[in-house]
Amino acid sequence: MPIKFSPAAIARMGLFNINHGVSEELDSTKYFDNLQFPGATFATGSSAYNVWWKAAKDEDHCRIALMTDYSQWHYNQLGGPIQPYGNVIINAGRDGGCYFSAIPEGSNLSGTFCCGVGDCALISAGNDALTLRKGAAEAASKKEEAQTLSKKHEERSPELESETSHSFSPAARARARALVAREDCVATPQGDAFPAAGYQTLVANTQTCTTGSCSFLINKGISLSTTMTSTSDQTITNTVGASVTTTAGSDLLGFQVAVGVSYDFAIAIGKSMSEAVQNGTTVTVTNNLGQALGTTAFATFTPTYNCYMATVDCGHGVSDPLEFCNPALSEDGTTLLGDYNVVYI
C-alpha cells in the first residue's frame, strides 16, 4: 500500500522528523533503521525491495527527498557546501504522484524537504532542472534565497585570513600541481584513516522509461580534489615564514579555497600517508544501472574519500590536527570507489 506524505504532514506526524528543511538542523533528522517491506517484491537477481511511494501535490513549490544513509557513514568532512544526510533516491516535485524506489534489504531511510532554489540545490545532485522556479514572484526571491544560503555557509566555514592565498581556479590548480613538496615540513598522523562520502553527483541525465527494459549507461568524468580543514582556531606557518590563520571547521584546501601556503601542509600530510595531493584530477566512472518501467529518473555517483587527521611542523611549532581527505582510488589510480544510485523524480 503506498504511503502518502507531504512536508506539512511529515513534520506534523514526526514521520521523518524533518521540522526543518535540508539546509537547517543537519543533525536532527530521524532515520528508520534496518527497514523491511514484507509485501514488496524483489527485482530479479537483486536483494532490493521494489517500493512505490505516493507524494501529495504541494502548492508551495517545495520538493521532498527520500534518502538512504551513506555507505561511508561519515559526511560533511570535505569543507565544501553542506551535504544532505544521505544519498537521495527520490526527489519528488510539487505536482505529486507515485515514485518508485529500489531499497536494499535492511536499509536505513530518512527524509527532508526543500523550498526554493538555494535549499533545493543541496539535494539536486547537480541536476539543475530540479531547482528551477516558476512565476515572477518565485524568480524575484531567487537572489535573496541564494544570499541566505551563502551566509549560512560562511557561518559554518569562515573564510581564511591569508593574504598569500590564491583563488582555487584552474590557473591556481595548475600552479599547485607545479609546486614541489617542502622536505622540512613534517606531518604526524593522529589515529587511523576513515572513509567519508563525497558529493552525490549526476552521472547520467534524466530519462523516462516508457517501454521495455531501460537502463543508464554511465561513462562520466568526475573532477576530484584533495581537501583539508582545520579542527581548531589556529595560525600555521610554513618553512619560509608565510602564515595562514584559520578557524575550526574552515577550509585550507579543496573545492572553494586557496592553494597557496596551505599546499605545503597538504603535501606533508599526503607524504606521511603515501598519498598524492589531487587537484582537479579527473577520473571516469562507468556502470550500467537499470530503471523501472513507467518512471522518470537520473543516475548519480557518490565518491568515497579516505580521511586522516595529522599535525604539521614546518619548523615553527606543531599545529593542531588538520583533517586531510583524498579521493579513494584503486591501486592503479583508474577506478574511483563510491556508490551508484538511481534517483526517481
C-alpha atoms as a PDB file:
ATOM      1  CA  MET A   1       0.000   0.000   0.000  1.00  0.00           C
ATOM      2  CA  PRO A   2       1.547   3.353  -0.973  1.00  0.00           C
ATOM      3  CA  ILE A   3       2.317   5.912   1.707  1.00  0.00           C
ATOM      4  CA  LYS A   4       1.078   9.476   1.213  1.00  0.00           C
ATOM      5  CA  PHE A   5       3.400  12.154   2.517  1.00  0.00           C
ATOM      6  CA  SER A   6       3.810  15.935   2.287  1.00  0.00           C
ATOM      7  CA  PRO A   7       6.160  18.385   4.065  1.00  0.00           C
ATOM      8  CA  ALA A   8       3.398  19.523   6.439  1.00  0.00           C
ATOM      9  CA  ALA A   9       2.139  16.006   7.171  1.00  0.00           C
ATOM     10  CA  ILE A  10       5.605  14.603   7.749  1.00  0.00           C
ATOM     11  CA  ALA A  11       6.519  17.420  10.110  1.00  0.00           C
ATOM     12  CA  ARG A  12       3.178  17.092  11.889  1.00  0.00           C
ATOM     13  CA  MET A  13       3.431  13.330  12.404  1.00  0.00           C
ATOM     14  CA  GLY A  14       7.167  13.305  13.047  1.00  0.00           C
ATOM     15  CA  LEU A  15       7.397  10.532  10.480  1.00  0.00           C
ATOM     16  CA  PHE A  16      10.882  11.545   9.363  1.00  0.00           C
ATOM     17  CA  ASN A  17      11.401  14.254  11.992  1.00  0.00           C
ATOM     18  CA  ILE A  18      12.024  16.944   9.379  1.00  0.00           C
ATOM     19  CA  ASN A  19      10.637  20.038  11.046  1.00  0.00           C
ATOM     20  CA  HIS A  20      13.360  21.949   9.244  1.00  0.00           C
ATOM     21  CA  GLY A  21      14.468  21.958   5.634  1.00  0.00           C
ATOM     22  CA  VAL A  22      17.644  20.389   4.313  1.00  0.00           C
ATOM     23  CA  SER A  23      19.854  23.421   4.994  1.00  0.00           C
ATOM     24  CA  GLU A  24      18.954  23.608   8.697  1.00  0.00           C
ATOM     25  CA  GLU A  25      19.325  21.343  11.733  1.00  0.00           C
ATOM     26  CA  LEU A  26      21.540  18.860   9.917  1.00  0.00           C
ATOM     27  CA  ASP A  27      21.861  16.581  12.927  1.00  0.00           C
ATOM     28  CA  SER A  28      18.165  16.469  13.845  1.00  0.00           C
ATOM     29  CA  THR A  29      16.979  14.044  11.189  1.00  0.00           C
ATOM     30  CA  LYS A  30      15.437  10.711  12.183  1.00  0.00           C
ATOM     31  CA  TYR A  31      16.387   7.504  10.416  1.00  0.00           C
ATOM     32  CA  PHE A  32      14.256   4.395  10.239  1.00  0.00           C
ATOM     33  CA  ASP A  33      16.823   1.634  10.603  1.00  0.00           C
ATOM     34  CA  ASN A  34      17.013  -1.852   9.102  1.00  0.00           C
ATOM     35  CA  LEU A  35      13.790  -1.491   7.148  1.00  0.00           C
ATOM     36  CA  GLN A  36      11.885  -4.465   5.775  1.00  0.00           C
ATOM     37  CA  PHE A  37       8.963  -4.359   3.332  1.00  0.00           C
ATOM     38  CA  PRO A  38       7.288  -7.798   3.663  1.00  0.00           C
ATOM     39  CA  GLY A  39       4.662  -7.081   0.998  1.00  0.00           C
ATOM     40  CA  ALA A  40       7.118  -5.828  -1.599  1.00  0.00           C
ATOM     41  CA  THR A  41       8.724  -7.856  -4.367  1.00  0.00           C
ATOM     42  CA  PHE A  42      12.415  -8.149  -5.148  1.00  0.00           C
ATOM     43  CA  ALA A  43      13.829  -7.187  -8.512  1.00  0.00           C
ATOM     44  CA  THR A  44      15.191 -10.138 -10.483  1.00  0.00           C
ATOM     45  CA  GLY A  45      18.672 -11.023  -9.238  1.00  0.00           C
ATOM     46  CA  SER A  46      18.552  -8.297  -6.589  1.00  0.00           C
ATOM     47  CA  SER A  47      18.116  -8.032  -2.821  1.00  0.00           C
ATOM     48  CA  ALA A  48      16.377  -4.654  -3.169  1.00  0.00           C
ATOM     49  CA  TYR A  49      12.680  -4.194  -2.473  1.00  0.00           C
ATOM     50  CA  ASN A  50      10.545  -2.601  -5.196  1.00  0.00           C
ATOM     51  CA  VAL A  51       8.665   0.086  -3.234  1.00  0.00           C
ATOM     52  CA  TRP A  52       6.344   2.787  -4.580  1.00  0.00           C
ATOM     53  CA  TRP A  53       5.669   5.966  -2.615  1.00  0.00           C
ATOM     54  CA  LYS A  54       2.843   8.453  -3.104  1.00  0.00           C
ATOM     55  CA  ALA A  55       3.594  12.166  -2.730  1.00  0.00           C
ATOM     56  CA  ALA A  56       0.830  14.729  -2.270  1.00  0.00           C
ATOM     57  CA  LYS A  57       0.568  17.760  -4.526  1.00  0.00           C
ATOM     58  CA  ASP A  58       2.271  20.762  -2.958  1.00  0.00           C
ATOM     59  CA  GLU A  59       1.248  24.321  -3.804  1.00  0.00           C
ATOM     60  CA  ASP A  60       4.260  25.864  -2.070  1.00  0.00           C
ATOM     61  CA  HIS A  61       6.770  24.859  -4.778  1.00  0.00           C
ATOM     62  CA  CYS A  62       8.647  22.624  -2.372  1.00  0.00           C
ATOM     63  CA  ARG A  63      10.275  19.257  -3.036  1.00  0.00           C
ATOM     64  CA  ILE A  64      10.529  16.149  -0.856  1.00  0.00           C
ATOM     65  CA  ALA A  65      13.571  13.879  -0.783  1.00  0.00           C
ATOM     66  CA  LEU A  66      13.833  10.313   0.452  1.00  0.00           C
ATOM     67  CA  MET A  67      17.367   9.262   1.371  1.00  0.00           C
ATOM     68  CA  THR A  68      19.400   6.207   2.293  1.00  0.00           C
ATOM     69  CA  ASP A  69      22.364   6.662   4.590  1.00  0.00           C
ATOM     70  CA  TYR A  70      25.854   6.892   3.123  1.00  0.00           C
ATOM     71  CA  SER A  71      27.745   3.617   2.967  1.00  0.00           C
ATOM     72  CA  GLN A  72      30.774   5.575   4.203  1.00  0.00           C
ATOM     73  CA  TRP A  73      28.846   6.706   7.341  1.00  0.00           C
ATOM     74  CA  HIS A  74      30.879   9.915   7.640  1.00  0.00           C
ATOM     75  CA  TYR A  75      29.905  13.027   5.657  1.00  0.00           C
ATOM     76  CA  ASN A  76      30.349  16.825   5.766  1.00  0.00           C
ATOM     77  CA  GLN A  77      34.093  16.206   6.123  1.00  0.00           C
ATOM     78  CA  LEU A  78      35.260  17.940   2.932  1.00  0.00           C
ATOM     79  CA  GLY A  79      34.908  21.581   3.879  1.00  0.00           C
ATOM     80  CA  GLY A  80      32.723  22.485   0.883  1.00  0.00           C
ATOM     81  CA  PRO A  81      28.962  23.091   0.730  1.00  0.00           C
ATOM     82  CA  ILE A  82      26.900  21.310   3.373  1.00  0.00           C
ATOM     83  CA  GLN A  83      25.670  17.836   2.437  1.00  0.00           C
ATOM     84  CA  PRO A  84      22.248  16.229   2.951  1.00  0.00           C
ATOM     85  CA  TYR A  85      22.049  13.399   5.463  1.00  0.00           C
ATOM     86  CA  GLY A  86      22.353  10.636   2.863  1.00  0.00           C
ATOM     87  CA  ASN A  87      22.130   9.678  -0.793  1.00  0.00           C
ATOM     88  CA  VAL A  88      18.910  10.944  -2.357  1.00  0.00           C
ATOM     89  CA  ILE A  89      16.884   8.170  -4.032  1.00  0.00           C
ATOM     90  CA  ILE A  90      13.619  10.094  -4.583  1.00  0.00           C
ATOM     91  CA  ASN A  91      13.274  13.808  -5.322  1.00  0.00           C
ATOM     92  CA  ALA A  92       9.520  14.392  -5.511  1.00  0.00           C
ATOM     93  CA  GLY A  93       8.235  17.562  -7.178  1.00  0.00           C
ATOM     94  CA  ARG A  94       5.318  19.854  -6.440  1.00  0.00           C
ATOM     95  CA  ASP A  95       2.902  18.029  -8.780  1.00  0.00           C
ATOM     96  CA  GLY A  96       2.843  14.935  -6.573  1.00  0.00           C
ATOM     97  CA  GLY A  97       2.286  11.424  -7.857  1.00  0.00           C
ATOM     98  CA  CYS A  98       3.814   7.992  -7.355  1.00  0.00           C
ATOM     99  CA  TYR A  99       7.575   7.452  -7.136  1.00  0.00           C
ATOM    100  CA  PHE A 100       9.490   4.201  -7.404  1.00  0.00           C
ATOM    101  CA  SER A 101      12.453   3.180  -5.256  1.00  0.00           C
ATOM    102  CA  ALA A 102      14.674   0.113  -5.120  1.00  0.00           C
ATOM    103  CA  ILE A 103      15.557  -0.217  -1.428  1.00  0.00           C
ATOM    104  CA  PRO A 104      18.146  -2.825  -0.398  1.00  0.00           C
ATOM    105  CA  GLU A 105      17.018  -5.115   2.404  1.00  0.00           C
ATOM    106  CA  GLY A 106      17.967  -3.719   5.800  1.00  0.00           C
ATOM    107  CA  SER A 107      18.441  -0.140   4.572  1.00  0.00           C
ATOM    108  CA  ASN A 108      18.162   2.932   6.762  1.00  0.00           C
ATOM    109  CA  LEU A 109      15.845   5.639   5.384  1.00  0.00           C
ATOM    110  CA  SER A 110      15.266   9.277   6.166  1.00  0.00           C
ATOM    111  CA  GLY A 111      13.635  12.275   4.512  1.00  0.00           C
ATOM    112  CA  THR A 112      13.821  16.013   4.155  1.00  0.00           C
ATOM    113  CA  PHE A 113      12.247  18.797   2.125  1.00  0.00           C
ATOM    114  CA  CYS A 114      13.432  21.950   0.359  1.00  0.00           C
ATOM    115  CA  CYS A 115      11.703  25.153  -0.731  1.00  0.00           C
ATOM    116  CA  GLY A 116      13.454  27.478  -3.142  1.00  0.00           C
ATOM    117  CA  VAL A 117      16.492  27.412  -5.379  1.00  0.00           C
ATOM    118  CA  GLY A 118      19.143  27.552  -2.659  1.00  0.00           C
ATOM    119  CA  ASP A 119      17.752  24.789  -0.483  1.00  0.00           C
ATOM    120  CA  CYS A 120      16.786  22.548  -3.398  1.00  0.00           C
ATOM    121  CA  ALA A 121      20.268  22.764  -4.903  1.00  0.00           C
ATOM    122  CA  LEU A 122      21.529  20.872  -1.843  1.00  0.00           C
ATOM    123  CA  ILE A 123      19.522  17.759  -2.715  1.00  0.00           C
ATOM    124  CA  SER A 124      19.592  18.041  -6.524  1.00  0.00           C
ATOM    125  CA  ALA A 125      22.881  16.105  -7.002  1.00  0.00           C
ATOM    126  CA  GLY A 126      23.807  18.604  -9.696  1.00  0.00           C
ATOM    127  CA  ASN A 127      20.567  18.169 -11.679  1.00  0.00           C
ATOM    128  CA  ASP A 128      19.784  21.838 -12.316  1.00  0.00           C
ATOM    129  CA  ALA A 129      16.288  21.075 -13.632  1.00  0.00           C
ATOM    130  CA  LEU A 130      15.219  20.220 -10.083  1.00  0.00           C
ATOM    131  CA  THR A 131      15.989  23.716  -8.789  1.00  0.00           C
ATOM    132  CA  LEU A 132      14.095  25.731 -11.403  1.00  0.00           C
ATOM    133  CA  ARG A 133      11.356  28.024 -10.113  1.00  0.00           C
ATOM    134  CA  LYS A 134       8.252  29.196 -11.982  1.00  0.00           C
ATOM    135  CA  GLY A 135       6.428  32.519 -11.793  1.00  0.00           C
ATOM    136  CA  ALA A 136       7.521  36.122 -11.334  1.00  0.00           C
ATOM    137  CA  ALA A 137       7.232  36.045  -7.546  1.00  0.00           C
ATOM    138  CA  GLU A 138       9.442  32.978  -7.337  1.00  0.00           C
ATOM    139  CA  ALA A 139      12.061  34.489  -9.644  1.00  0.00           C
ATOM    140  CA  ALA A 140      12.179  37.625  -7.509  1.00  0.00           C
ATOM    141  CA  SER A 141      13.018  35.581  -4.399  1.00  0.00           C
ATOM    142  CA  LYS A 142      15.837  33.614  -6.042  1.00  0.00           C
ATOM    143  CA  LYS A 143      18.568  36.130  -5.299  1.00  0.00           C
ATOM    144  CA  GLU A 144      17.517  36.531  -1.663  1.00  0.00           C
ATOM    145  CA  GLU A 145      17.474  32.759  -1.098  1.00  0.00           C
ATOM    146  CA  ALA A 146      20.937  32.331  -2.627  1.00  0.00           C
ATOM    147  CA  GLN A 147      22.317  35.097  -0.404  1.00  0.00           C
ATOM    148  CA  THR A 148      20.772  33.490   2.677  1.00  0.00           C
ATOM    149  CA  LEU A 149      22.333  30.113   1.868  1.00  0.00           C
ATOM    150  CA  SER A 150      25.693  31.755   1.208  1.00  0.00           C
ATOM    151  CA  LYS A 151      25.536  33.460   4.604  1.00  0.00           C
ATOM    152  CA  LYS A 152      24.774  30.120   6.309  1.00  0.00           C
ATOM    153  CA  HIS A 153      27.777  28.526   4.630  1.00  0.00           C
ATOM    154  CA  GLU A 154      30.038  31.408   5.672  1.00  0.00           C
ATOM    155  CA  GLU A 155      28.914  30.906   9.274  1.00  0.00           C
ATOM    156  CA  ARG A 156      29.793  27.188   9.038  1.00  0.00           C
ATOM    157  CA  SER A 157      33.153  27.704   7.284  1.00  0.00           C
ATOM    158  CA  PRO A 158      34.609  31.200   7.816  1.00  0.00           C
ATOM    159  CA  GLU A 159      36.979  32.445   5.167  1.00  0.00           C
ATOM    160  CA  LEU A 160      40.699  32.161   5.730  1.00  0.00           C
ATOM    161  CA  GLU A 161      42.648  35.219   6.801  1.00  0.00           C
ATOM    162  CA  SER A 162      45.578  34.853   4.425  1.00  0.00           C
ATOM    163  CA  GLU A 163      46.971  37.426   2.030  1.00  0.00           C
ATOM    164  CA  THR A 164      49.217  34.829   0.411  1.00  0.00           C
ATOM    165  CA  SER A 165      46.325  32.683  -0.889  1.00  0.00           C
ATOM    166  CA  HIS A 166      45.153  32.429  -4.479  1.00  0.00           C
ATOM    167  CA  SER A 167      41.613  31.612  -5.594  1.00  0.00           C
ATOM    168  CA  PHE A 168      41.060  27.932  -6.303  1.00  0.00           C
ATOM    169  CA  SER A 169      40.700  28.450 -10.061  1.00  0.00           C
ATOM    170  CA  PRO A 170      42.000  26.273 -12.930  1.00  0.00           C
ATOM    171  CA  ALA A 171      45.052  28.518 -13.071  1.00  0.00           C
ATOM    172  CA  ALA A 172      45.621  28.093  -9.339  1.00  0.00           C
ATOM    173  CA  ARG A 173      45.291  24.342  -9.685  1.00  0.00           C
ATOM    174  CA  ALA A 174      47.936  24.392 -12.398  1.00  0.00           C
ATOM    175  CA  ARG A 175      50.286  26.362 -10.160  1.00  0.00           C
ATOM    176  CA  ALA A 176      49.603  23.944  -7.322  1.00  0.00           C
ATOM    177  CA  ARG A 177      50.468  20.918  -9.426  1.00  0.00           C
ATOM    178  CA  ALA A 178      53.794  22.560 -10.270  1.00  0.00           C
ATOM    179  CA  LEU A 179      54.781  23.058  -6.641  1.00  0.00           C
ATOM    180  CA  VAL A 180      57.410  20.826  -5.067  1.00  0.00           C
ATOM    181  CA  ALA A 181      56.981  19.292  -1.616  1.00  0.00           C
ATOM    182  CA  ARG A 182      58.986  21.004   1.118  1.00  0.00           C
ATOM    183  CA  GLU A 183      61.130  18.358   2.728  1.00  0.00           C
ATOM    184  CA  ASP A 184      61.299  20.194   6.050  1.00  0.00           C
ATOM    185  CA  CYS A 185      57.517  20.228   6.729  1.00  0.00           C
ATOM    186  CA  VAL A 186      56.815  17.075   8.739  1.00  0.00           C
ATOM    187  CA  ALA A 187      53.354  15.595   9.331  1.00  0.00           C
ATOM    188  CA  THR A 188      52.478  13.187  12.128  1.00  0.00           C
ATOM    189  CA  PRO A 189      49.312  11.078  11.685  1.00  0.00           C
ATOM    190  CA  GLN A 190      46.765  11.091  14.515  1.00  0.00           C
ATOM    191  CA  GLY A 191      44.703   7.901  14.615  1.00  0.00           C
ATOM    192  CA  ASP A 192      43.514   5.693  11.777  1.00  0.00           C
ATOM    193  CA  ALA A 193      42.100   6.616   8.394  1.00  0.00           C
ATOM    194  CA  PHE A 194      38.304   6.648   7.961  1.00  0.00           C
ATOM    195  CA  PRO A 195      36.028   6.822   4.885  1.00  0.00           C
ATOM    196  CA  ALA A 196      33.825   9.817   4.117  1.00  0.00           C
ATOM    197  CA  ALA A 197      31.185  10.445   1.479  1.00  0.00           C
ATOM    198  CA  GLY A 198      31.874  12.972  -1.233  1.00  0.00           C
ATOM    199  CA  TYR A 199      29.132  14.862  -3.052  1.00  0.00           C
ATOM    200  CA  GLN A 200      26.380  12.918  -4.801  1.00  0.00           C
ATOM    201  CA  THR A 201      26.854  13.855  -8.462  1.00  0.00           C
ATOM    202  CA  LEU A 202      24.779  13.414 -11.600  1.00  0.00           C
ATOM    203  CA  VAL A 203      26.494  10.981 -13.988  1.00  0.00           C
ATOM    204  CA  ALA A 204      23.624  10.180 -16.401  1.00  0.00           C
ATOM    205  CA  ASN A 205      20.924  12.624 -17.479  1.00  0.00           C
ATOM    206  CA  THR A 206      17.202  12.411 -16.787  1.00  0.00           C
ATOM    207  CA  GLN A 207      15.231   9.941 -18.890  1.00  0.00           C
ATOM    208  CA  THR A 208      11.735   8.478 -18.877  1.00  0.00           C
ATOM    209  CA  CYS A 209      11.230   4.738 -19.259  1.00  0.00           C
ATOM    210  CA  THR A 210       8.080   4.082 -21.299  1.00  0.00           C
ATOM    211  CA  THR A 211       8.592   0.651 -22.862  1.00  0.00           C
ATOM    212  CA  GLY A 212      10.674  -2.478 -22.429  1.00  0.00           C
ATOM    213  CA  SER A 213      13.837  -2.638 -20.355  1.00  0.00           C
ATOM    214  CA  CYS A 214      15.538   0.681 -19.575  1.00  0.00           C
ATOM    215  CA  SER A 215      18.978   1.384 -18.183  1.00  0.00           C
ATOM    216  CA  PHE A 216      21.580   4.092 -17.676  1.00  0.00           C
ATOM    217  CA  LEU A 217      24.880   3.523 -19.493  1.00  0.00           C
ATOM    218  CA  ILE A 218      27.276   5.547 -17.366  1.00  0.00           C
ATOM    219  CA  ASN A 219      30.587   6.847 -18.700  1.00  0.00           C
ATOM    220  CA  LYS A 220      31.312  10.124 -16.952  1.00  0.00           C
ATOM    221  CA  GLY A 221      34.431  12.012 -15.887  1.00  0.00           C
ATOM    222  CA  ILE A 222      34.391  13.386 -12.340  1.00  0.00           C
ATOM    223  CA  SER A 223      36.763  16.111 -11.174  1.00  0.00           C
ATOM    224  CA  LEU A 224      38.364  15.395  -7.796  1.00  0.00           C
ATOM    225  CA  SER A 225      40.453  17.365  -5.333  1.00  0.00           C
ATOM    226  CA  THR A 226      42.159  16.749  -2.024  1.00  0.00           C
ATOM    227  CA  THR A 227      40.504  18.673   0.805  1.00  0.00           C
ATOM    228  CA  MET A 228      41.989  19.882   4.076  1.00  0.00           C
ATOM    229  CA  THR A 229      40.246  21.553   7.005  1.00  0.00           C
ATOM    230  CA  SER A 230      41.336  22.821  10.387  1.00  0.00           C
ATOM    231  CA  THR A 231      40.000  21.293  13.610  1.00  0.00           C
ATOM    232  CA  SER A 232      40.641  24.440  15.672  1.00  0.00           C
ATOM    233  CA  ASP A 233      41.297  28.170  15.603  1.00  0.00           C
ATOM    234  CA  GLN A 234      44.998  28.446  14.815  1.00  0.00           C
ATOM    235  CA  THR A 235      47.755  30.097  12.815  1.00  0.00           C
ATOM    236  CA  ILE A 236      50.149  27.818  10.918  1.00  0.00           C
ATOM    237  CA  THR A 237      53.455  28.967   9.436  1.00  0.00           C
ATOM    238  CA  ASN A 238      55.381  27.241   6.673  1.00  0.00           C
ATOM    239  CA  THR A 239      59.155  26.975   6.254  1.00  0.00           C
ATOM    240  CA  VAL A 240      59.584  30.412   4.643  1.00  0.00           C
ATOM    241  CA  GLY A 241      57.561  32.249   7.291  1.00  0.00           C
ATOM    242  CA  ALA A 242      54.293  32.586   5.387  1.00  0.00           C
ATOM    243  CA  SER A 243      51.300  32.045   7.665  1.00  0.00           C
ATOM    244  CA  VAL A 244      47.644  31.159   7.334  1.00  0.00           C
ATOM    245  CA  THR A 245      45.135  31.892  10.094  1.00  0.00           C
ATOM    246  CA  THR A 246      42.026  29.753  10.201  1.00  0.00           C
ATOM    247  CA  THR A 247      39.104  28.881  12.450  1.00  0.00           C
ATOM    248  CA  ALA A 248      37.740  25.482  13.418  1.00  0.00           C
ATOM    249  CA  GLY A 249      35.972  23.807  10.503  1.00  0.00           C
ATOM    250  CA  SER A 250      37.204  26.224   7.863  1.00  0.00           C
ATOM    251  CA  ASP A 251      38.804  25.175   4.599  1.00  0.00           C
ATOM    252  CA  LEU A 252      42.536  25.170   3.971  1.00  0.00           C
ATOM    253  CA  LEU A 253      42.469  23.394   0.638  1.00  0.00           C
ATOM    254  CA  GLY A 254      39.733  21.958  -1.524  1.00  0.00           C
ATOM    255  CA  PHE A 255      36.691  22.785  -3.608  1.00  0.00           C
ATOM    256  CA  GLN A 256      36.359  26.506  -2.960  1.00  0.00           C
ATOM    257  CA  VAL A 257      39.553  27.801  -1.408  1.00  0.00           C
ATOM    258  CA  ALA A 258      43.181  28.683  -1.957  1.00  0.00           C
ATOM    259  CA  VAL A 259      46.204  26.507  -2.522  1.00  0.00           C
ATOM    260  CA  GLY A 260      48.971  28.983  -1.527  1.00  0.00           C
ATOM    261  CA  VAL A 261      50.590  28.376   1.850  1.00  0.00           C
ATOM    262  CA  SER A 262      48.271  25.534   2.804  1.00  0.00           C
ATOM    263  CA  TYR A 263      49.501  23.399  -0.097  1.00  0.00           C
ATOM    264  CA  ASP A 264      52.754  22.863   1.814  1.00  0.00           C
ATOM    265  CA  PHE A 265      50.822  21.348   4.704  1.00  0.00           C
ATOM    266  CA  ALA A 266      48.778  19.102   2.405  1.00  0.00           C
ATOM    267  CA  ILE A 267      51.950  17.849   0.705  1.00  0.00           C
ATOM    268  CA  ALA A 268      53.463  16.965   4.099  1.00  0.00           C
ATOM    269  CA  ILE A 269      50.351  15.093   5.272  1.00  0.00           C
ATOM    270  CA  GLY A 270      49.988  13.288   1.960  1.00  0.00           C
ATOM    271  CA  LYS A 271      53.603  12.194   2.044  1.00  0.00           C
ATOM    272  CA  SER A 272      53.231  10.805   5.576  1.00  0.00           C
ATOM    273  CA  MET A 273      50.257   8.725   4.353  1.00  0.00           C
ATOM    274  CA  SER A 274      51.810   7.791   0.981  1.00  0.00           C
ATOM    275  CA  GLU A 275      49.017   9.765  -0.686  1.00  0.00           C
ATOM    276  CA  ALA A 276      49.400  12.160  -3.620  1.00  0.00           C
ATOM    277  CA  VAL A 277      47.628  15.515  -3.397  1.00  0.00           C
ATOM    278  CA  GLN A 278      44.891  15.653  -6.047  1.00  0.00           C
ATOM    279  CA  ASN A 279      43.953  18.997  -7.585  1.00  0.00           C
ATOM    280  CA  GLY A 280      41.395  18.910 -10.373  1.00  0.00           C
ATOM    281  CA  THR A 281      42.158  15.265 -11.209  1.00  0.00           C
ATOM    282  CA  THR A 282      39.518  13.727 -13.499  1.00  0.00           C
ATOM    283  CA  VAL A 283      38.543  10.066 -13.130  1.00  0.00           C
ATOM    284  CA  THR A 284      35.945   8.368 -15.346  1.00  0.00           C
ATOM    285  CA  VAL A 285      33.260   6.242 -13.698  1.00  0.00           C
ATOM    286  CA  THR A 286      31.392   3.582 -15.681  1.00  0.00           C
ATOM    287  CA  ASN A 287      28.389   1.387 -14.909  1.00  0.00           C
ATOM    288  CA  ASN A 288      25.071   0.107 -16.241  1.00  0.00           C
ATOM    289  CA  LEU A 289      22.094   0.711 -13.922  1.00  0.00           C
ATOM    290  CA  GLY A 290      18.527  -0.462 -14.511  1.00  0.00           C
ATOM    291  CA  GLN A 291      15.472   1.788 -14.394  1.00  0.00           C
ATOM    292  CA  ALA A 292      11.884   0.788 -13.549  1.00  0.00           C
ATOM    293  CA  LEU A 293       9.243   0.916 -16.272  1.00  0.00           C
ATOM    294  CA  GLY A 294       6.938   3.936 -16.132  1.00  0.00           C
ATOM    295  CA  THR A 295       9.379   6.153 -14.227  1.00  0.00           C
ATOM    296  CA  THR A 296      11.493   9.257 -14.756  1.00  0.00           C
ATOM    297  CA  ALA A 297      14.942   9.249 -13.172  1.00  0.00           C
ATOM    298  CA  PHE A 298      18.619  10.129 -13.423  1.00  0.00           C
ATOM    299  CA  ALA A 299      21.737   8.343 -12.196  1.00  0.00           C
ATOM    300  CA  THR A 300      24.271   9.557  -9.636  1.00  0.00           C
ATOM    301  CA  PHE A 301      27.623   8.624  -8.154  1.00  0.00           C
ATOM    302  CA  THR A 302      28.842   9.435  -4.643  1.00  0.00           C
ATOM    303  CA  PRO A 303      32.649   9.153  -4.411  1.00  0.00           C
ATOM    304  CA  THR A 304      34.416   7.814  -1.339  1.00  0.00           C
ATOM    305  CA  TYR A 305      37.203   9.816   0.298  1.00  0.00           C
ATOM    306  CA  ASN A 306      39.847   8.498   2.665  1.00  0.00           C
ATOM    307  CA  CYS A 307      40.303  10.956   5.526  1.00  0.00           C
ATOM    308  CA  TYR A 308      43.166  11.339   8.004  1.00  0.00           C
ATOM    309  CA  MET A 309      43.979  13.525  10.991  1.00  0.00           C
ATOM    310  CA  ALA A 310      47.542  14.803  11.245  1.00  0.00           C
ATOM    311  CA  THR A 311      49.603  17.561  12.839  1.00  0.00           C
ATOM    312  CA  VAL A 312      52.174  19.516  10.825  1.00  0.00           C
ATOM    313  CA  ASP A 313      55.506  21.002  11.910  1.00  0.00           C
ATOM    314  CA  CYS A 314      57.323  23.282   9.472  1.00  0.00           C
ATOM    315  CA  GLY A 315      59.881  24.498  11.994  1.00  0.00           C
ATOM    316  CA  HIS A 316      57.599  26.991  13.747  1.00  0.00           C
ATOM    317  CA  GLY A 317      55.826  24.688  16.202  1.00  0.00           C
ATOM    318  CA  VAL A 318      53.438  21.772  15.875  1.00  0.00           C
ATOM    319  CA  SER A 319      49.982  22.621  14.557  1.00  0.00           C
ATOM    320  CA  ASP A 320      46.714  21.410  15.973  1.00  0.00           C
ATOM    321  CA  PRO A 321      45.298  18.486  13.949  1.00  0.00           C
ATOM    322  CA  LEU A 322      44.311  19.071  10.343  1.00  0.00           C
ATOM    323  CA  GLU A 323      41.858  16.838   8.513  1.00  0.00           C
ATOM    324  CA  PHE A 324      43.122  15.659   5.132  1.00  0.00           C
ATOM    325  CA  CYS A 325      40.716  13.852   2.755  1.00  0.00           C
ATOM    326  CA  ASN A 326      41.743  12.261  -0.533  1.00  0.00           C
ATOM    327  CA  PRO A 327      39.636  10.557  -3.233  1.00  0.00           C
ATOM    328  CA  ALA A 328      39.661   6.792  -2.722  1.00  0.00           C
ATOM    329  CA  LEU A 329      41.200   5.370  -5.894  1.00  0.00           C
ATOM    330  CA  SER A 330      42.172   1.857  -6.891  1.00  0.00           C
ATOM    331  CA  GLU A 331      45.861   0.927  -6.685  1.00  0.00           C
ATOM    332  CA  ASP A 332      46.402   1.760 -10.359  1.00  0.00           C
ATOM    333  CA  GLY A 333      44.579   5.084  -9.961  1.00  0.00           C
ATOM    334  CA  THR A 334      41.992   4.322 -12.660  1.00  0.00           C
ATOM    335  CA  THR A 335      38.958   3.359 -10.570  1.00  0.00           C
ATOM    336  CA  LEU A 336      37.178   5.664  -8.152  1.00  0.00           C
ATOM    337  CA  LEU A 337      35.467   3.976  -5.225  1.00  0.00           C
ATOM    338  CA  GLY A 338      31.946   5.021  -4.304  1.00  0.00           C
ATOM    339  CA  ASP A 339      28.215   4.363  -4.631  1.00  0.00           C
ATOM    340  CA  TYR A 340      25.858   4.490  -7.624  1.00  0.00           C
ATOM    341  CA  ASN A 341      22.191   5.403  -7.229  1.00  0.00           C
ATOM    342  CA  VAL A 342      19.174   5.917  -9.474  1.00  0.00           C
ATOM    343  CA  VAL A 343      17.203   8.977  -8.328  1.00  0.00           C
ATOM    344  CA  TYR A 344      13.498   8.905  -9.243  1.00  0.00           C
ATOM    345  CA  ILE A 345      11.838  12.252  -9.855  1.00  0.00           C
END
